[in-house]
PDB file of N, CA and C in Angstrom:
ATOM      1  N   UNK A   1      -8.555 -23.640   4.208  1.00  0.00           N
ATOM      2  CA  UNK A   1      -9.215 -22.938   4.439  1.00  0.00           C
ATOM      3  C   UNK A   1     -10.424 -22.240   5.572  1.00  0.00           C
ATOM      4  N   UNK A   2     -10.310 -22.294   6.710  1.00  0.00           N
ATOM      5  CA  UNK A   2     -11.275 -21.198   7.699  1.00  0.00           C
ATOM      6  C   UNK A   2     -12.080 -20.243   6.458  1.00  0.00           C
ATOM      7  N   UNK A   3     -13.339 -19.926   6.937  1.00  0.00           N
ATOM      8  CA  UNK A   3     -13.599 -19.100   6.767  1.00  0.00           C
ATOM      9  C   UNK A   3     -13.795 -18.022   7.378  1.00  0.00           C
ATOM     10  N   UNK A   4     -13.071 -17.745   8.390  1.00  0.00           N
ATOM     11  CA  UNK A   4     -12.026 -16.471   9.126  1.00  0.00           C
ATOM     12  C   UNK A   4     -10.490 -16.576   8.750  1.00  0.00           C
ATOM     13  N   UNK A   5     -10.418 -17.775   7.678  1.00  0.00           N
ATOM     14  CA  UNK A   5      -8.386 -16.722   7.383  1.00  0.00           C
ATOM     15  C   UNK A   5      -8.364 -16.465   6.536  1.00  0.00           C
ATOM     16  N   UNK A   6      -7.414 -15.567   6.268  1.00  0.00           N
ATOM     17  CA  UNK A   6      -6.837 -15.246   5.548  1.00  0.00           C
ATOM     18  C   UNK A   6      -5.607 -15.425   4.307  1.00  0.00           C
ATOM     19  N   UNK A   7      -6.205 -15.528   3.246  1.00  0.00           N
ATOM     20  CA  UNK A   7      -5.304 -15.658   2.129  1.00  0.00           C
ATOM     21  C   UNK A   7      -4.425 -14.375   2.010  1.00  0.00           C
ATOM     22  N   UNK A   8      -2.863 -14.885   1.578  1.00  0.00           N
ATOM     23  CA  UNK A   8      -1.640 -14.181   1.085  1.00  0.00           C
ATOM     24  C   UNK A   8      -1.040 -14.983   0.419  1.00  0.00           C
ATOM     25  N   UNK A   9      -0.888 -14.349  -1.084  1.00  0.00           N
ATOM     26  CA  UNK A   9       0.713 -14.496  -1.527  1.00  0.00           C
ATOM     27  C   UNK A   9       1.238 -13.513  -1.751  1.00  0.00           C
ATOM     28  N   UNK A  10       2.349 -14.239  -1.491  1.00  0.00           N
ATOM     29  CA  UNK A  10       3.589 -13.131  -1.443  1.00  0.00           C
ATOM     30  C   UNK A  10       4.385 -13.543  -3.466  1.00  0.00           C
ATOM     31  N   UNK A  11       4.355 -12.665  -4.451  1.00  0.00           N
ATOM     32  CA  UNK A  11       5.028 -13.485  -5.468  1.00  0.00           C
ATOM     33  C   UNK A  11       6.430 -12.212  -5.607  1.00  0.00           C
ATOM     34  N   UNK A  12       6.650 -12.762  -6.737  1.00  0.00           N
ATOM     35  CA  UNK A  12       8.243 -11.696  -7.191  1.00  0.00           C
ATOM     36  C   UNK A  12       8.936 -12.544  -8.935  1.00  0.00           C
ATOM     37  N   UNK A  13       8.771 -11.561  -8.921  1.00  0.00           N
ATOM     38  CA  UNK A  13      10.001 -11.574 -10.848  1.00  0.00           C
ATOM     39  C   UNK A  13      11.712 -11.147 -10.668  1.00  0.00           C
ATOM     40  N   UNK A  14      12.174 -11.501 -11.437  1.00  0.00           N
ATOM     41  CA  UNK A  14      13.614 -11.145 -11.682  1.00  0.00           C
ATOM     42  C   UNK A  14      13.591 -11.199 -13.265  1.00  0.00           C
ATOM     43  N   UNK A  15      13.800 -10.370 -13.862  1.00  0.00           N
ATOM     44  CA  UNK A  15      14.180  -9.718 -15.204  1.00  0.00           C
ATOM     45  C   UNK A  15      15.480  -9.121 -15.722  1.00  0.00           C
ATOM     46  N   UNK A  16      16.266  -9.397 -16.614  1.00  0.00           N
ATOM     47  CA  UNK A  16      18.099  -8.936 -16.677  1.00  0.00           C
ATOM     48  C   UNK A  16      18.217  -8.254 -14.915  1.00  0.00           C
ATOM     49  N   UNK A  17      18.660  -8.377 -13.841  1.00  0.00           N
ATOM     50  CA  UNK A  17      19.104  -8.366 -13.053  1.00  0.00           C
ATOM     51  C   UNK A  17      17.877  -7.086 -12.227  1.00  0.00           C
ATOM     52  N   UNK A  18      16.695  -6.286 -13.391  1.00  0.00           N
ATOM     53  CA  UNK A  18      15.557  -6.477 -11.982  1.00  0.00           C
ATOM     54  C   UNK A  18      14.436  -7.076 -11.492  1.00  0.00           C
ATOM     55  N   UNK A  19      14.798  -6.830 -10.811  1.00  0.00           N
ATOM     56  CA  UNK A  19      13.528  -7.174  -9.407  1.00  0.00           C
ATOM     57  C   UNK A  19      11.584  -7.187  -9.248  1.00  0.00           C
ATOM     58  N   UNK A  20      11.157  -7.129  -8.995  1.00  0.00           N
ATOM     59  CA  UNK A  20       9.267  -6.851  -8.083  1.00  0.00           C
ATOM     60  C   UNK A  20       9.322  -7.828  -7.533  1.00  0.00           C
ATOM     61  N   UNK A  21       8.203  -7.299  -6.277  1.00  0.00           N
ATOM     62  CA  UNK A  21       7.683  -8.607  -5.540  1.00  0.00           C
ATOM     63  C   UNK A  21       6.777  -7.655  -5.372  1.00  0.00           C
ATOM     64  N   UNK A  22       5.686  -8.307  -4.649  1.00  0.00           N
ATOM     65  CA  UNK A  22       4.611  -7.083  -4.403  1.00  0.00           C
ATOM     66  C   UNK A  22       3.453  -8.974  -2.564  1.00  0.00           C
ATOM     67  N   UNK A  23       3.017  -8.693  -2.795  1.00  0.00           N
ATOM     68  CA  UNK A  23       2.442  -9.558  -1.800  1.00  0.00           C
ATOM     69  C   UNK A  23       1.064  -8.737  -1.177  1.00  0.00           C
ATOM     70  N   UNK A  24      -0.152  -9.520  -1.295  1.00  0.00           N
ATOM     71  CA  UNK A  24      -1.312  -9.081  -1.438  1.00  0.00           C
ATOM     72  C   UNK A  24      -2.091  -9.784  -0.429  1.00  0.00           C
ATOM     73  N   UNK A  25      -3.509  -9.916   0.099  1.00  0.00           N
ATOM     74  CA  UNK A  25      -4.057 -10.455   1.053  1.00  0.00           C
ATOM     75  C   UNK A  25      -5.280 -10.016   1.049  1.00  0.00           C
ATOM     76  N   UNK A  26      -6.188 -11.184   1.855  1.00  0.00           N
ATOM     77  CA  UNK A  26      -8.135 -10.489   1.366  1.00  0.00           C
ATOM     78  C   UNK A  26      -8.617 -12.094   2.600  1.00  0.00           C
ATOM     79  N   UNK A  27      -9.836 -12.010   2.779  1.00  0.00           N
ATOM     80  CA  UNK A  27     -10.409 -13.047   2.943  1.00  0.00           C
ATOM     81  C   UNK A  27     -10.628 -14.055   2.810  1.00  0.00           C
ATOM     82  N   UNK A  28     -10.777 -14.843   3.535  1.00  0.00           N
ATOM     83  CA  UNK A  28     -11.687 -15.299   2.629  1.00  0.00           C
ATOM     84  C   UNK A  28     -12.631 -16.048   2.764  1.00  0.00           C
ATOM     85  N   UNK A  29     -13.019 -15.350   3.524  1.00  0.00           N
ATOM     86  CA  UNK A  29     -15.191 -15.476   3.469  1.00  0.00           C
ATOM     87  C   UNK A  29     -14.993 -14.097   2.695  1.00  0.00           C
ATOM     88  N   UNK A  30     -14.387 -13.253   2.648  1.00  0.00           N
ATOM     89  CA  UNK A  30     -15.483 -11.615   1.747  1.00  0.00           C
ATOM     90  C   UNK A  30     -14.926 -10.452   2.452  1.00  0.00           C
ATOM     91  N   UNK A  31     -15.167 -10.920   3.836  1.00  0.00           N
ATOM     92  CA  UNK A  31     -15.191  -9.424   4.928  1.00  0.00           C
ATOM     93  C   UNK A  31     -13.631  -9.868   5.644  1.00  0.00           C
ATOM     94  N   UNK A  32     -12.828  -9.021   6.204  1.00  0.00           N
ATOM     95  CA  UNK A  32     -12.312  -9.495   7.110  1.00  0.00           C
ATOM     96  C   UNK A  32     -12.800  -9.239   8.532  1.00  0.00           C
ATOM     97  N   UNK A  33     -12.080  -9.613   9.326  1.00  0.00           N
ATOM     98  CA  UNK A  33     -12.292  -9.367  11.107  1.00  0.00           C
ATOM     99  C   UNK A  33     -12.288  -8.191  11.704  1.00  0.00           C
ATOM    100  N   UNK A  34     -12.553  -7.284  11.924  1.00  0.00           N
ATOM    101  CA  UNK A  34     -12.207  -6.247  13.190  1.00  0.00           C
ATOM    102  C   UNK A  34     -10.228  -6.297  12.973  1.00  0.00           C
ATOM    103  N   UNK A  35      -9.605  -6.971  13.557  1.00  0.00           N
ATOM    104  CA  UNK A  35      -9.149  -7.334  13.760  1.00  0.00           C
ATOM    105  C   UNK A  35      -7.422  -8.068  12.558  1.00  0.00           C
ATOM    106  N   UNK A  36      -8.467  -8.403  11.933  1.00  0.00           N
ATOM    107  CA  UNK A  36      -8.242  -8.502  10.330  1.00  0.00           C
ATOM    108  C   UNK A  36      -7.756  -7.331   9.674  1.00  0.00           C
ATOM    109  N   UNK A  37      -8.420  -6.770  10.078  1.00  0.00           N
ATOM    110  CA  UNK A  37      -8.762  -5.254   9.277  1.00  0.00           C
ATOM    111  C   UNK A  37      -7.953  -3.934  10.094  1.00  0.00           C
ATOM    112  N   UNK A  38      -7.564  -4.012  10.887  1.00  0.00           N
ATOM    113  CA  UNK A  38      -7.036  -3.096  11.308  1.00  0.00           C
ATOM    114  C   UNK A  38      -5.233  -3.293  11.164  1.00  0.00           C
ATOM    115  N   UNK A  39      -5.185  -4.782  11.589  1.00  0.00           N
ATOM    116  CA  UNK A  39      -3.923  -4.939  11.498  1.00  0.00           C
ATOM    117  C   UNK A  39      -3.037  -4.484   8.917  1.00  0.00           C
ATOM    118  N   UNK A  40      -4.541  -5.147   8.443  1.00  0.00           N
ATOM    119  CA  UNK A  40      -4.254  -4.510   6.783  1.00  0.00           C
ATOM    120  C   UNK A  40      -3.692  -3.331   6.254  1.00  0.00           C
ATOM    121  N   UNK A  41      -5.313  -2.586   7.236  1.00  0.00           N
ATOM    122  CA  UNK A  41      -4.807  -0.657   7.400  1.00  0.00           C
ATOM    123  C   UNK A  41      -3.884  -0.680   7.512  1.00  0.00           C
ATOM    124  N   UNK A  42      -3.434  -1.414   8.617  1.00  0.00           N
ATOM    125  CA  UNK A  42      -1.900  -0.254   9.033  1.00  0.00           C
ATOM    126  C   UNK A  42      -0.720  -0.228   8.564  1.00  0.00           C
ATOM    127  N   UNK A  43      -0.252  -1.965   7.892  1.00  0.00           N
ATOM    128  CA  UNK A  43       0.245  -2.002   7.103  1.00  0.00           C
ATOM    129  C   UNK A  43       0.040  -1.558   5.508  1.00  0.00           C
ATOM    130  N   UNK A  44      -1.284  -0.662   4.827  1.00  0.00           N
ATOM    131  CA  UNK A  44      -1.129  -0.372   4.230  1.00  0.00           C
ATOM    132  C   UNK A  44      -0.633   0.979   4.443  1.00  0.00           C
ATOM    133  N   UNK A  45      -1.257   1.891   5.214  1.00  0.00           N
ATOM    134  CA  UNK A  45      -0.992   3.194   5.901  1.00  0.00           C
ATOM    135  C   UNK A  45       0.552   3.446   5.817  1.00  0.00           C
ATOM    136  N   UNK A  46       1.611   2.164   5.799  1.00  0.00           N
ATOM    137  CA  UNK A  46       2.352   2.576   5.778  1.00  0.00           C
ATOM    138  C   UNK A  46       3.523   1.905   4.810  1.00  0.00           C
ATOM    139  N   UNK A  47       2.951   1.161   3.994  1.00  0.00           N
ATOM    140  CA  UNK A  47       3.872   0.938   2.799  1.00  0.00           C
ATOM    141  C   UNK A  47       3.403   2.242   1.374  1.00  0.00           C
ATOM    142  N   UNK A  48       2.329   2.442   2.888  1.00  0.00           N
ATOM    143  CA  UNK A  48       1.841   4.209   1.702  1.00  0.00           C
ATOM    144  C   UNK A  48       3.154   5.477   1.833  1.00  0.00           C
ATOM    145  N   UNK A  49       2.849   5.391   3.344  1.00  0.00           N
ATOM    146  CA  UNK A  49       4.237   6.225   3.816  1.00  0.00           C
ATOM    147  C   UNK A  49       4.867   6.104   3.301  1.00  0.00           C
ATOM    148  N   UNK A  50       5.221   5.067   2.376  1.00  0.00           N
ATOM    149  CA  UNK A  50       7.104   4.481   2.554  1.00  0.00           C
ATOM    150  C   UNK A  50       7.291   5.181   0.554  1.00  0.00           C
ATOM    151  N   UNK A  51       5.813   4.823  -0.087  1.00  0.00           N
ATOM    152  CA  UNK A  51       6.348   5.069  -1.326  1.00  0.00           C
ATOM    153  C   UNK A  51       6.271   6.079  -1.416  1.00  0.00           C
ATOM    154  N   UNK A  52       4.872   7.268  -0.815  1.00  0.00           N
ATOM    155  CA  UNK A  52       5.411   8.457  -0.734  1.00  0.00           C
ATOM    156  C   UNK A  52       6.370   9.571  -0.187  1.00  0.00           C
ATOM    157  N   UNK A  53       7.472   8.840   0.551  1.00  0.00           N
ATOM    158  CA  UNK A  53       8.570   9.542   0.808  1.00  0.00           C
ATOM    159  C   UNK A  53       9.564   8.760  -0.718  1.00  0.00           C
ATOM    160  N   UNK A  54       9.310   8.074  -1.017  1.00  0.00           N
ATOM    161  CA  UNK A  54      10.672   7.539  -1.721  1.00  0.00           C
ATOM    162  C   UNK A  54      11.395   8.707  -3.122  1.00  0.00           C
ATOM    163  N   UNK A  55      11.745   8.904  -3.499  1.00  0.00           N
ATOM    164  CA  UNK A  55      12.898   9.410  -4.230  1.00  0.00           C
ATOM    165  C   UNK A  55      13.699   8.875  -4.921  1.00  0.00           C
ATOM    166  N   UNK A  56      14.762   9.534  -6.509  1.00  0.00           N
ATOM    167  CA  UNK A  56      15.092   8.767  -6.598  1.00  0.00           C
ATOM    168  C   UNK A  56      16.355   8.445  -5.456  1.00  0.00           C
ATOM    169  N   UNK A  57      17.695   7.411  -5.983  1.00  0.00           N
ATOM    170  CA  UNK A  57      18.448   6.926  -4.879  1.00  0.00           C
ATOM    171  C   UNK A  57      18.148   8.128  -3.670  1.00  0.00           C
ATOM    172  N   UNK A  58      16.742   6.466  -2.737  1.00  0.00           N
ATOM    173  CA  UNK A  58      16.400   7.574  -1.262  1.00  0.00           C
ATOM    174  C   UNK A  58      18.186   6.812  -0.639  1.00  0.00           C
ATOM    175  N   UNK A  59      17.571   6.947   0.880  1.00  0.00           N
ATOM    176  CA  UNK A  59      18.772   6.145   1.423  1.00  0.00           C
ATOM    177  C   UNK A  59      18.296   4.866   2.267  1.00  0.00           C
ATOM    178  N   UNK A  60      18.299   4.106   2.315  1.00  0.00           N
ATOM    179  CA  UNK A  60      17.620   2.645   2.823  1.00  0.00           C
ATOM    180  C   UNK A  60      17.518   3.643   5.136  1.00  0.00           C
ATOM    181  N   UNK A  61      18.026   3.610   4.980  1.00  0.00           N
ATOM    182  CA  UNK A  61      17.701   4.247   6.235  1.00  0.00           C
ATOM    183  C   UNK A  61      16.507   5.145   7.191  1.00  0.00           C
ATOM    184  N   UNK A  62      16.928   5.990   5.805  1.00  0.00           N
ATOM    185  CA  UNK A  62      15.558   6.607   5.556  1.00  0.00           C
ATOM    186  C   UNK A  62      13.762   5.994   5.836  1.00  0.00           C
ATOM    187  N   UNK A  63      13.808   5.359   4.869  1.00  0.00           N
ATOM    188  CA  UNK A  63      12.734   4.401   4.214  1.00  0.00           C
ATOM    189  C   UNK A  63      12.630   3.918   5.326  1.00  0.00           C
ATOM    190  N   UNK A  64      13.835   3.730   5.898  1.00  0.00           N
ATOM    191  CA  UNK A  64      13.426   2.328   7.582  1.00  0.00           C
ATOM    192  C   UNK A  64      12.680   3.166   8.601  1.00  0.00           C
ATOM    193  N   UNK A  65      12.717   4.213   8.774  1.00  0.00           N
ATOM    194  CA  UNK A  65      12.822   5.533   9.695  1.00  0.00           C
ATOM    195  C   UNK A  65      11.712   5.476   9.653  1.00  0.00           C
ATOM    196  N   UNK A  66      10.733   5.755   8.980  1.00  0.00           N
ATOM    197  CA  UNK A  66       9.097   6.448   8.934  1.00  0.00           C
ATOM    198  C   UNK A  66       8.218   4.986   9.553  1.00  0.00           C
TER     199      UNK A  66
END
C-alpha cells in the first residue's frame, strides 16, 4: 500500500437469516489527505443522516432520499 493510500475493510456476516455489514477505511500513513478527509466526512455525514432517520419498518425510498 502506498503511504498516501487508504485501506478499506468491507465485512459482512449472516446468522440465522440476520445479516450485518460494516465498512471501515483508514489512512495508510495515519493521516488522511485533505481530499481523503473530505470524502470520508461526506460519507460519515450521509451514514449518520440515514441512521438518525431510521425507525421501525421504514420505507426504503424514504432513506434513499436523504
